[in-house]
N, C-alpha and C. Protein backbone atom coordinates (compact mmCIF):
# COMPACT_ATOMS: atom_id res chain seq x y z
N UNK A 1 83.13 98.82 125.23
CA UNK A 1 81.91 98.75 126.01
C UNK A 1 80.76 98.16 125.20
N UNK A 2 81.09 97.68 124.02
CA UNK A 2 80.10 96.97 123.23
C UNK A 2 80.11 95.50 123.61
N UNK A 3 78.94 94.91 123.61
CA UNK A 3 78.83 93.48 123.88
C UNK A 3 79.34 92.70 122.67
N UNK A 4 80.15 91.68 122.92
CA UNK A 4 80.68 90.85 121.85
C UNK A 4 80.54 89.39 122.29
N UNK A 5 79.65 88.66 121.64
CA UNK A 5 79.37 87.28 122.08
C UNK A 5 80.53 86.32 121.83
N UNK A 6 81.56 86.75 121.13
CA UNK A 6 82.73 85.88 120.95
C UNK A 6 83.41 85.60 122.29
N UNK A 7 83.25 86.51 123.25
CA UNK A 7 83.88 86.34 124.54
C UNK A 7 83.18 85.27 125.39
N UNK A 8 82.05 84.81 124.94
CA UNK A 8 81.35 83.77 125.68
C UNK A 8 81.82 82.36 125.28
N UNK A 9 82.67 82.28 124.28
CA UNK A 9 83.18 80.99 123.82
C UNK A 9 84.70 81.03 123.72
N UNK A 10 85.33 81.35 124.84
CA UNK A 10 86.78 81.45 124.88
C UNK A 10 87.41 80.06 124.97
N UNK A 11 88.63 79.90 124.47
CA UNK A 11 89.31 78.60 124.58
C UNK A 11 89.62 78.26 126.03
N UNK A 12 89.81 77.00 126.31
CA UNK A 12 90.07 76.55 127.68
C UNK A 12 91.54 76.69 128.02
N UNK A 13 91.98 77.92 128.07
CA UNK A 13 93.35 78.26 128.47
C UNK A 13 93.32 79.70 128.98
N UNK A 14 94.41 80.18 129.52
CA UNK A 14 94.46 81.55 130.01
C UNK A 14 94.33 82.53 128.85
N UNK A 15 93.46 83.51 129.03
CA UNK A 15 93.22 84.52 128.01
C UNK A 15 93.24 85.88 128.68
N UNK A 16 93.92 86.83 128.08
CA UNK A 16 93.91 88.21 128.58
C UNK A 16 92.95 89.03 127.74
N UNK A 17 92.01 89.68 128.38
CA UNK A 17 91.04 90.55 127.70
C UNK A 17 91.39 91.99 128.03
N UNK A 18 91.76 92.75 127.04
CA UNK A 18 92.26 94.10 127.27
C UNK A 18 91.25 95.14 126.80
N UNK A 19 90.09 95.13 127.40
CA UNK A 19 89.07 96.14 127.08
C UNK A 19 88.04 96.15 128.19
N UNK A 20 87.18 97.16 128.18
CA UNK A 20 86.10 97.22 129.16
C UNK A 20 84.99 96.28 128.72
N UNK A 21 84.66 95.33 129.57
CA UNK A 21 83.59 94.39 129.26
C UNK A 21 82.40 94.71 130.14
N UNK A 22 81.84 95.89 129.94
CA UNK A 22 80.78 96.39 130.81
C UNK A 22 79.42 96.17 130.16
N UNK A 23 78.95 94.95 130.27
CA UNK A 23 77.61 94.62 129.80
C UNK A 23 77.03 93.54 130.70
N UNK A 24 75.79 93.73 131.08
CA UNK A 24 75.11 92.72 131.89
C UNK A 24 74.99 91.39 131.15
N UNK A 25 75.07 91.44 129.83
CA UNK A 25 74.88 90.24 129.02
C UNK A 25 75.96 89.19 129.26
N UNK A 26 77.14 89.61 129.69
CA UNK A 26 78.22 88.66 129.90
C UNK A 26 77.95 87.69 131.05
N UNK A 27 77.15 88.13 132.02
CA UNK A 27 76.91 87.24 133.16
C UNK A 27 75.43 87.04 133.45
N UNK A 28 74.60 87.28 132.44
CA UNK A 28 73.16 87.16 132.62
C UNK A 28 72.75 85.77 133.09
N UNK A 29 73.37 84.74 132.54
CA UNK A 29 72.97 83.36 132.88
C UNK A 29 73.46 82.93 134.25
N UNK A 30 74.39 83.66 134.84
CA UNK A 30 74.91 83.29 136.16
C UNK A 30 74.68 84.41 137.18
N UNK A 31 73.75 85.31 136.87
CA UNK A 31 73.55 86.46 137.75
C UNK A 31 73.13 86.04 139.16
N UNK A 32 72.26 85.07 139.29
CA UNK A 32 71.83 84.63 140.62
C UNK A 32 73.01 84.12 141.43
N UNK A 33 73.87 83.34 140.80
CA UNK A 33 75.06 82.84 141.50
C UNK A 33 76.02 83.97 141.82
N UNK A 34 76.11 84.95 140.93
CA UNK A 34 76.99 86.09 141.16
C UNK A 34 76.55 86.89 142.37
N UNK A 35 75.24 86.98 142.57
CA UNK A 35 74.73 87.71 143.74
C UNK A 35 75.06 86.98 145.04
N UNK A 36 75.24 85.69 144.97
CA UNK A 36 75.68 84.92 146.14
C UNK A 36 77.18 85.10 146.37
N UNK A 37 77.93 85.10 145.29
CA UNK A 37 79.39 85.18 145.40
C UNK A 37 79.89 86.58 145.73
N UNK A 38 79.24 87.61 145.18
CA UNK A 38 79.68 88.99 145.43
C UNK A 38 79.03 89.51 146.71
N UNK A 39 79.70 89.32 147.81
CA UNK A 39 79.18 89.78 149.10
C UNK A 39 80.19 90.71 149.74
N UNK A 40 79.74 91.45 150.73
CA UNK A 40 80.60 92.41 151.42
C UNK A 40 81.16 91.79 152.69
N UNK A 41 82.37 92.20 153.05
CA UNK A 41 82.94 91.77 154.32
C UNK A 41 82.02 92.24 155.44
N UNK A 42 81.95 91.45 156.51
CA UNK A 42 80.99 91.73 157.58
C UNK A 42 81.19 93.11 158.19
N UNK A 43 82.44 93.56 158.35
CA UNK A 43 82.65 94.88 158.95
C UNK A 43 82.17 96.00 158.04
N UNK A 44 82.29 95.81 156.72
CA UNK A 44 81.81 96.79 155.76
C UNK A 44 80.28 96.86 155.79
N UNK A 45 79.64 95.70 155.77
CA UNK A 45 78.18 95.64 155.78
C UNK A 45 77.62 96.15 157.10
N UNK A 46 78.27 95.84 158.21
CA UNK A 46 77.82 96.32 159.52
C UNK A 46 77.89 97.84 159.60
N UNK A 47 78.96 98.42 159.06
CA UNK A 47 79.08 99.88 159.04
C UNK A 47 77.95 100.50 158.23
N UNK A 48 77.66 99.92 157.08
CA UNK A 48 76.57 100.42 156.24
C UNK A 48 75.23 100.31 156.94
N UNK A 49 74.98 99.18 157.58
CA UNK A 49 73.69 98.98 158.28
C UNK A 49 73.53 99.97 159.43
N UNK A 50 74.60 100.16 160.20
CA UNK A 50 74.52 101.09 161.34
C UNK A 50 74.25 102.51 160.87
N UNK A 51 74.92 102.91 159.79
CA UNK A 51 74.72 104.26 159.28
C UNK A 51 73.29 104.45 158.79
N UNK A 52 72.79 103.49 158.03
CA UNK A 52 71.42 103.60 157.53
C UNK A 52 70.41 103.61 158.66
N UNK A 53 70.64 102.80 159.69
CA UNK A 53 69.72 102.77 160.82
C UNK A 53 69.64 104.14 161.49
N UNK A 54 70.77 104.81 161.60
CA UNK A 54 70.78 106.16 162.20
C UNK A 54 70.04 107.17 161.34
N UNK A 55 69.94 106.89 160.05
CA UNK A 55 69.27 107.82 159.13
C UNK A 55 67.76 107.60 159.06
N UNK A 56 67.26 106.55 159.68
CA UNK A 56 65.83 106.27 159.63
C UNK A 56 65.06 107.35 160.38
N UNK A 57 64.13 108.04 159.71
CA UNK A 57 63.35 109.06 160.41
C UNK A 57 62.56 108.46 161.57
N UNK A 58 62.53 109.15 162.69
CA UNK A 58 61.79 108.66 163.86
C UNK A 58 60.33 108.38 163.51
N UNK A 59 59.75 109.21 162.64
CA UNK A 59 58.34 109.06 162.28
C UNK A 59 58.06 107.77 161.51
N UNK A 60 59.12 107.12 160.99
CA UNK A 60 58.95 105.90 160.20
C UNK A 60 59.47 104.66 160.92
N UNK A 61 59.86 104.78 162.15
CA UNK A 61 60.53 103.67 162.85
C UNK A 61 59.70 102.39 162.85
N UNK A 62 58.41 102.48 162.96
CA UNK A 62 57.55 101.29 163.00
C UNK A 62 56.70 101.14 161.74
N UNK A 63 57.11 101.81 160.68
CA UNK A 63 56.34 101.77 159.44
C UNK A 63 57.21 101.27 158.30
N UNK A 64 56.54 100.78 157.27
CA UNK A 64 57.27 100.34 156.08
C UNK A 64 57.60 101.56 155.22
N UNK A 65 58.80 101.56 154.69
CA UNK A 65 59.20 102.60 153.75
C UNK A 65 60.26 102.02 152.83
N UNK A 66 60.52 102.72 151.73
CA UNK A 66 61.54 102.26 150.80
C UNK A 66 62.69 103.26 150.76
N UNK A 67 63.85 102.72 150.46
CA UNK A 67 65.03 103.56 150.28
C UNK A 67 65.44 103.51 148.81
N UNK A 68 65.70 104.69 148.27
CA UNK A 68 66.16 104.81 146.88
C UNK A 68 67.54 105.45 146.91
N UNK A 69 68.54 104.71 146.46
CA UNK A 69 69.89 105.25 146.42
C UNK A 69 70.03 106.11 145.17
N UNK A 70 70.69 107.24 145.33
CA UNK A 70 70.99 108.13 144.19
C UNK A 70 72.50 108.22 144.07
N UNK A 71 73.03 107.73 142.96
CA UNK A 71 74.47 107.86 142.76
C UNK A 71 74.75 108.99 141.78
N UNK A 72 75.59 109.93 142.20
CA UNK A 72 75.91 111.10 141.38
C UNK A 72 77.42 111.16 141.17
N UNK A 73 77.84 110.90 139.95
CA UNK A 73 79.27 111.03 139.63
C UNK A 73 79.47 112.35 138.90
N UNK A 74 80.40 113.17 139.43
CA UNK A 74 80.59 114.48 138.83
C UNK A 74 82.07 114.84 138.59
N UNK A 75 82.89 114.81 139.61
CA UNK A 75 84.18 115.49 139.60
C UNK A 75 84.95 115.39 138.29
N UNK A 76 85.41 114.19 137.90
CA UNK A 76 86.19 114.08 136.69
C UNK A 76 85.37 114.32 135.43
N UNK A 77 84.09 114.00 135.46
CA UNK A 77 83.26 114.16 134.27
C UNK A 77 82.79 115.59 134.02
N UNK A 78 83.19 116.52 134.86
CA UNK A 78 82.88 117.93 134.59
C UNK A 78 83.89 118.55 133.64
N UNK A 79 84.96 117.84 133.31
CA UNK A 79 85.99 118.35 132.39
C UNK A 79 85.42 118.42 130.97
N UNK A 80 85.75 119.47 130.21
CA UNK A 80 85.20 119.66 128.85
C UNK A 80 85.42 118.47 127.92
N UNK A 81 86.54 117.76 128.06
CA UNK A 81 86.82 116.64 127.17
C UNK A 81 85.72 115.57 127.25
N UNK A 82 85.19 115.33 128.44
CA UNK A 82 84.14 114.32 128.58
C UNK A 82 82.83 114.79 127.96
N UNK A 83 82.56 116.07 128.09
CA UNK A 83 81.35 116.62 127.48
C UNK A 83 81.42 116.47 125.96
N UNK A 84 82.58 116.76 125.39
CA UNK A 84 82.75 116.63 123.93
C UNK A 84 82.57 115.19 123.47
N UNK A 85 83.02 114.23 124.29
CA UNK A 85 82.91 112.83 123.90
C UNK A 85 81.49 112.28 124.02
N UNK A 86 80.63 112.94 124.80
CA UNK A 86 79.25 112.48 124.92
C UNK A 86 78.83 112.02 126.29
N UNK A 87 79.68 112.29 127.32
CA UNK A 87 79.34 111.93 128.70
C UNK A 87 78.44 113.04 129.25
N UNK A 88 77.15 112.89 129.09
CA UNK A 88 76.20 113.94 129.49
C UNK A 88 76.05 113.99 131.01
N UNK A 89 76.40 115.14 131.58
CA UNK A 89 76.22 115.31 133.03
C UNK A 89 74.73 115.38 133.35
N UNK A 90 74.32 114.83 134.47
CA UNK A 90 72.91 114.90 134.85
C UNK A 90 72.53 116.32 135.26
N UNK A 91 71.28 116.65 135.03
CA UNK A 91 70.77 117.97 135.40
C UNK A 91 69.88 117.84 136.64
N UNK A 92 69.62 118.96 137.29
CA UNK A 92 68.72 118.94 138.43
C UNK A 92 67.32 118.50 137.99
N UNK A 93 66.95 118.82 136.76
CA UNK A 93 65.65 118.39 136.23
C UNK A 93 65.57 116.86 136.17
N UNK A 94 66.66 116.21 135.76
CA UNK A 94 66.69 114.75 135.72
C UNK A 94 66.43 114.17 137.11
N UNK A 95 67.12 114.69 138.10
CA UNK A 95 66.94 114.17 139.46
C UNK A 95 65.52 114.44 139.96
N UNK A 96 64.98 115.61 139.64
CA UNK A 96 63.61 115.91 140.06
C UNK A 96 62.61 114.94 139.49
N UNK A 97 62.73 114.65 138.19
CA UNK A 97 61.81 113.70 137.55
C UNK A 97 62.02 112.29 138.08
N UNK A 98 63.28 111.92 138.29
CA UNK A 98 63.57 110.57 138.79
C UNK A 98 63.03 110.37 140.20
N UNK A 99 63.20 111.36 141.07
CA UNK A 99 62.69 111.24 142.43
C UNK A 99 61.16 111.23 142.44
N UNK A 100 60.56 112.04 141.56
CA UNK A 100 59.09 112.05 141.47
C UNK A 100 58.53 110.71 141.03
N UNK A 101 59.30 109.98 140.23
CA UNK A 101 58.87 108.65 139.79
C UNK A 101 58.51 107.79 141.00
N UNK A 102 59.26 107.95 142.08
CA UNK A 102 59.02 107.16 143.29
C UNK A 102 58.02 107.84 144.23
N UNK A 103 58.18 109.13 144.45
CA UNK A 103 57.31 109.81 145.43
C UNK A 103 55.88 109.94 144.93
N UNK A 104 55.67 109.91 143.62
CA UNK A 104 54.31 110.02 143.09
C UNK A 104 53.48 108.76 143.34
N UNK A 105 54.14 107.63 143.61
CA UNK A 105 53.37 106.39 143.79
C UNK A 105 53.64 105.68 145.12
N UNK A 106 54.60 106.18 145.90
CA UNK A 106 54.92 105.56 147.18
C UNK A 106 54.75 106.59 148.30
N UNK A 107 54.19 106.13 149.41
CA UNK A 107 53.88 107.05 150.50
C UNK A 107 55.13 107.50 151.26
N UNK A 108 56.04 106.58 151.51
CA UNK A 108 57.24 106.91 152.30
C UNK A 108 58.49 106.47 151.54
N UNK A 109 59.27 107.46 151.12
CA UNK A 109 60.50 107.21 150.38
C UNK A 109 61.63 108.00 151.02
N UNK A 110 62.71 107.30 151.34
CA UNK A 110 63.92 108.00 151.78
C UNK A 110 64.96 107.86 150.68
N UNK A 111 65.50 108.99 150.25
CA UNK A 111 66.55 109.00 149.24
C UNK A 111 67.90 109.02 149.95
N UNK A 112 68.83 108.24 149.42
CA UNK A 112 70.17 108.12 150.00
C UNK A 112 71.17 108.53 148.91
N UNK A 113 71.82 109.66 149.11
CA UNK A 113 72.74 110.19 148.12
C UNK A 113 74.16 109.69 148.35
N UNK A 114 74.76 109.12 147.30
CA UNK A 114 76.17 108.71 147.29
C UNK A 114 76.84 109.47 146.15
N UNK A 115 77.96 110.12 146.43
CA UNK A 115 78.56 110.93 145.38
C UNK A 115 80.02 111.24 145.66
N UNK A 116 80.75 111.53 144.58
CA UNK A 116 82.10 112.04 144.72
C UNK A 116 82.07 113.57 144.89
N UNK A 117 80.88 114.15 144.89
CA UNK A 117 80.71 115.59 145.08
C UNK A 117 79.50 115.84 145.98
N UNK A 118 79.60 115.45 147.27
CA UNK A 118 78.44 115.58 148.16
C UNK A 118 77.96 117.02 148.34
N UNK A 119 78.86 118.00 148.24
CA UNK A 119 78.44 119.40 148.39
C UNK A 119 77.49 119.79 147.27
N UNK A 120 77.75 119.32 146.04
CA UNK A 120 76.86 119.60 144.93
C UNK A 120 75.49 118.96 145.19
N UNK A 121 75.51 117.75 145.68
CA UNK A 121 74.25 117.04 145.95
C UNK A 121 73.42 117.76 147.01
N UNK A 122 74.08 118.21 148.07
CA UNK A 122 73.34 118.89 149.14
C UNK A 122 72.73 120.19 148.64
N UNK A 123 73.34 120.80 147.64
CA UNK A 123 72.82 122.05 147.09
C UNK A 123 71.73 121.82 146.05
N UNK A 124 71.83 120.73 145.28
CA UNK A 124 70.97 120.57 144.11
C UNK A 124 69.93 119.44 144.18
N UNK A 125 70.08 118.50 145.09
CA UNK A 125 69.08 117.44 145.19
C UNK A 125 68.04 117.84 146.21
N UNK A 126 66.87 118.17 145.73
CA UNK A 126 65.81 118.67 146.60
C UNK A 126 64.76 117.60 146.82
N UNK A 127 64.71 117.10 148.03
CA UNK A 127 63.70 116.12 148.40
C UNK A 127 63.40 116.30 149.89
N UNK A 128 62.20 115.94 150.28
CA UNK A 128 61.81 116.11 151.68
C UNK A 128 62.58 115.17 152.59
N UNK A 129 62.75 113.94 152.17
CA UNK A 129 63.44 112.94 152.99
C UNK A 129 64.66 112.42 152.24
N UNK A 130 65.79 113.07 152.48
CA UNK A 130 67.03 112.68 151.81
C UNK A 130 68.18 112.77 152.79
N UNK A 131 69.10 111.81 152.68
CA UNK A 131 70.30 111.81 153.52
C UNK A 131 71.51 111.69 152.58
N UNK A 132 72.66 112.15 153.07
CA UNK A 132 73.86 112.20 152.24
C UNK A 132 74.98 111.42 152.92
N UNK A 133 75.52 110.46 152.20
CA UNK A 133 76.65 109.70 152.72
C UNK A 133 77.93 110.51 152.49
N UNK A 134 78.66 110.77 153.56
CA UNK A 134 79.94 111.47 153.44
C UNK A 134 80.96 110.78 154.33
N UNK A 135 82.19 110.74 153.85
CA UNK A 135 83.27 110.19 154.66
C UNK A 135 83.38 108.69 154.68
N UNK A 136 82.55 107.99 153.92
CA UNK A 136 82.63 106.53 153.86
C UNK A 136 83.57 106.10 152.75
N UNK A 137 84.11 104.91 152.87
CA UNK A 137 84.92 104.33 151.79
C UNK A 137 84.00 103.95 150.64
N UNK A 138 84.55 103.80 149.42
CA UNK A 138 83.73 103.32 148.31
C UNK A 138 83.06 101.99 148.60
N UNK A 139 83.73 101.11 149.34
CA UNK A 139 83.14 99.80 149.66
C UNK A 139 81.93 99.95 150.56
N UNK A 140 82.01 100.82 151.57
CA UNK A 140 80.87 101.04 152.47
C UNK A 140 79.73 101.69 151.71
N UNK A 141 80.03 102.66 150.84
CA UNK A 141 78.97 103.27 150.04
C UNK A 141 78.28 102.23 149.16
N UNK A 142 79.04 101.32 148.58
CA UNK A 142 78.42 100.28 147.76
C UNK A 142 77.57 99.35 148.62
N UNK A 143 78.01 99.07 149.83
CA UNK A 143 77.21 98.25 150.74
C UNK A 143 75.93 98.98 151.12
N UNK A 144 76.01 100.28 151.32
CA UNK A 144 74.81 101.09 151.58
C UNK A 144 73.83 100.93 150.42
N UNK A 145 74.34 101.03 149.20
CA UNK A 145 73.49 100.87 148.02
C UNK A 145 72.82 99.51 148.00
N UNK A 146 73.55 98.48 148.41
CA UNK A 146 73.00 97.12 148.39
C UNK A 146 71.86 96.94 149.38
N UNK A 147 71.78 97.83 150.36
CA UNK A 147 70.72 97.77 151.36
C UNK A 147 69.51 98.63 151.00
N UNK A 148 69.60 99.31 149.86
CA UNK A 148 68.48 100.12 149.37
C UNK A 148 67.59 99.27 148.47
N UNK A 149 66.39 99.78 148.22
CA UNK A 149 65.40 99.02 147.43
C UNK A 149 65.46 99.33 145.94
N UNK A 150 65.77 100.58 145.59
CA UNK A 150 65.75 101.03 144.20
C UNK A 150 66.91 101.99 143.98
N UNK A 151 67.11 102.41 142.72
CA UNK A 151 68.27 103.25 142.42
C UNK A 151 67.97 104.29 141.34
N UNK A 152 68.61 105.42 141.50
CA UNK A 152 68.69 106.47 140.47
C UNK A 152 70.18 106.65 140.20
N UNK A 153 70.60 106.46 138.95
CA UNK A 153 72.04 106.51 138.69
C UNK A 153 72.39 107.52 137.61
N UNK A 154 73.68 107.86 137.58
CA UNK A 154 74.21 108.74 136.55
C UNK A 154 75.31 107.99 135.82
N UNK A 155 76.20 108.71 135.18
CA UNK A 155 77.24 108.10 134.37
C UNK A 155 78.30 107.40 135.22
N UNK A 156 78.95 106.42 134.62
CA UNK A 156 80.06 105.74 135.30
C UNK A 156 79.72 104.33 135.73
N UNK A 157 80.75 103.49 135.77
CA UNK A 157 80.54 102.09 136.11
C UNK A 157 80.20 101.89 137.58
N UNK A 158 80.68 102.78 138.47
CA UNK A 158 80.34 102.64 139.89
C UNK A 158 78.83 102.76 140.06
N UNK A 159 78.22 103.72 139.39
CA UNK A 159 76.77 103.87 139.45
C UNK A 159 76.04 102.66 138.91
N UNK A 160 76.60 102.05 137.86
CA UNK A 160 76.00 100.84 137.29
C UNK A 160 75.93 99.75 138.36
N UNK A 161 77.05 99.57 139.11
CA UNK A 161 77.08 98.55 140.14
C UNK A 161 76.21 98.92 141.33
N UNK A 162 76.06 100.20 141.61
CA UNK A 162 75.13 100.64 142.65
C UNK A 162 73.73 100.12 142.33
N UNK A 163 73.32 100.30 141.08
CA UNK A 163 71.99 99.83 140.66
C UNK A 163 71.89 98.31 140.70
N UNK A 164 72.95 97.65 140.26
CA UNK A 164 72.93 96.18 140.25
C UNK A 164 72.78 95.64 141.66
N UNK A 165 73.49 96.21 142.62
CA UNK A 165 73.39 95.74 144.00
C UNK A 165 72.04 96.10 144.63
N UNK A 166 71.50 97.27 144.32
CA UNK A 166 70.18 97.63 144.87
C UNK A 166 69.12 96.67 144.33
N UNK A 167 69.22 96.32 143.05
CA UNK A 167 68.41 95.25 142.45
C UNK A 167 66.91 95.50 142.54
N UNK A 168 66.52 96.75 142.28
CA UNK A 168 65.10 97.06 142.24
C UNK A 168 64.79 97.83 140.97
N UNK A 169 63.90 98.79 141.05
CA UNK A 169 63.65 99.68 139.91
C UNK A 169 64.86 100.60 139.78
N UNK A 170 65.35 100.75 138.56
CA UNK A 170 66.50 101.62 138.31
C UNK A 170 66.14 102.67 137.28
N UNK A 171 66.44 103.93 137.62
CA UNK A 171 66.26 105.04 136.70
C UNK A 171 67.63 105.47 136.18
N UNK A 172 67.74 105.63 134.86
CA UNK A 172 68.99 106.07 134.24
C UNK A 172 68.75 107.35 133.43
N UNK A 173 69.86 107.98 133.03
CA UNK A 173 69.75 109.16 132.17
C UNK A 173 69.45 108.72 130.74
N UNK A 174 68.36 109.22 130.20
CA UNK A 174 67.99 108.86 128.83
C UNK A 174 68.98 109.44 127.82
N UNK A 175 69.62 110.55 128.17
CA UNK A 175 70.53 111.23 127.24
C UNK A 175 71.97 110.73 127.34
N UNK A 176 72.16 109.56 127.95
CA UNK A 176 73.51 109.01 128.06
C UNK A 176 73.60 107.67 127.34
N UNK A 177 74.59 107.52 126.43
CA UNK A 177 75.46 108.57 125.91
C UNK A 177 74.69 109.46 124.93
N UNK A 178 75.18 110.67 124.73
CA UNK A 178 74.50 111.57 123.81
C UNK A 178 74.47 110.98 122.41
N UNK A 179 73.32 111.04 121.76
CA UNK A 179 73.15 110.50 120.41
C UNK A 179 74.11 111.19 119.45
N UNK A 180 74.79 110.40 118.62
CA UNK A 180 75.69 110.94 117.62
C UNK A 180 77.08 111.27 118.14
N UNK A 181 77.32 111.02 119.43
CA UNK A 181 78.61 111.35 120.02
C UNK A 181 79.63 110.23 119.78
N UNK A 182 80.90 110.56 120.03
CA UNK A 182 81.96 109.56 119.94
C UNK A 182 81.68 108.41 120.89
N UNK A 183 81.22 108.74 122.09
CA UNK A 183 80.94 107.71 123.09
C UNK A 183 79.83 106.78 122.63
N UNK A 184 78.83 107.33 121.93
CA UNK A 184 77.70 106.51 121.48
C UNK A 184 78.13 105.43 120.50
N UNK A 185 79.27 105.63 119.85
CA UNK A 185 79.78 104.60 118.94
C UNK A 185 80.46 103.47 119.70
N UNK A 186 80.83 103.73 120.95
CA UNK A 186 81.52 102.72 121.76
C UNK A 186 80.63 102.11 122.84
N UNK A 187 79.58 102.80 123.20
CA UNK A 187 78.72 102.34 124.29
C UNK A 187 77.27 102.33 123.82
N UNK A 188 76.70 101.16 123.70
CA UNK A 188 75.30 101.03 123.29
C UNK A 188 74.44 100.81 124.53
N UNK A 189 73.42 101.61 124.67
CA UNK A 189 72.54 101.50 125.85
C UNK A 189 71.99 100.09 126.01
N UNK A 190 71.62 99.45 124.89
CA UNK A 190 71.02 98.12 124.96
C UNK A 190 71.99 97.07 125.49
N UNK A 191 73.27 97.31 125.33
CA UNK A 191 74.28 96.41 125.88
C UNK A 191 74.63 96.77 127.32
N UNK A 192 74.66 98.05 127.59
CA UNK A 192 75.16 98.54 128.88
C UNK A 192 74.12 98.44 129.99
N UNK A 193 72.90 98.89 129.73
CA UNK A 193 71.85 98.91 130.74
C UNK A 193 70.93 97.69 130.60
N UNK A 194 70.50 97.18 131.72
CA UNK A 194 69.56 96.06 131.69
C UNK A 194 68.24 96.52 131.07
N UNK A 195 67.52 95.63 130.40
CA UNK A 195 66.33 96.05 129.66
C UNK A 195 65.20 96.64 130.51
N UNK A 196 65.16 96.30 131.80
CA UNK A 196 64.09 96.83 132.64
C UNK A 196 64.47 98.15 133.30
N UNK A 197 65.71 98.62 133.09
CA UNK A 197 66.08 99.92 133.65
C UNK A 197 65.43 101.02 132.83
N UNK A 198 64.99 102.06 133.48
CA UNK A 198 64.13 103.07 132.86
C UNK A 198 64.92 104.34 132.58
N UNK A 199 64.91 104.78 131.33
CA UNK A 199 65.58 106.02 130.96
C UNK A 199 64.64 107.20 131.05
N UNK A 200 65.05 108.22 131.79
CA UNK A 200 64.25 109.45 131.91
C UNK A 200 65.07 110.65 131.43
C-alpha cells in the first residue's frame, strides 16, 4: 500500500503486479479521464437515483441541500487481529465531529449511511437528517455515494472509493493507521489519502 514510482515506468509488455496499489498518485495525471471512464450501468444508477429521491425530506423538496455519504466498515475489522495490526475502528465521537464539520456551516445537510453493519449505524450515528441504505448491492451503494456531495469515510478500500466518487470534501479518521503499528509501516497516509482529505 506504499506508493512506488517505479510502477509508473513499466516496460511495454505484459506485467503482473502482485500487490495492493492503493494510492491516488498512480492515476493522478489521468483522474479526469478516469472519472469519464468509470461510470455505472444505467440500471444501477437509476436505482440509486430513485432511492435517493425517495429519501429527500418533503421540507427540502424545493430547496438546495447537500448530501454527505457516510461509509462505515465494521464486520470483519472488529476481529482482534485487525486491532493489533493497527486498523483503528471509528468511534461515535469521530462520527459526531465529522458530521458537525458539515452541520456547523451548512443549513441543510442530509447524511446517507452506507455500511456492512447498518444496525450498528442506526444505533450509533446520531443526526437529525440521516437515512440508511439497506438491501442494496455494493454497486448500487457506490452509485448512491457518487450522487452525494461530500463524504465521511472509515477504514477499507471501499470507503476510499466512496469518497473518490463523491468527489467533494472528505473526512477521514486521523488515527488510521495507528501510529507505530504494523499497518503504519505498510500504509502511509500521504500515499493513501488525497492531500485535501481532512483527518479528524
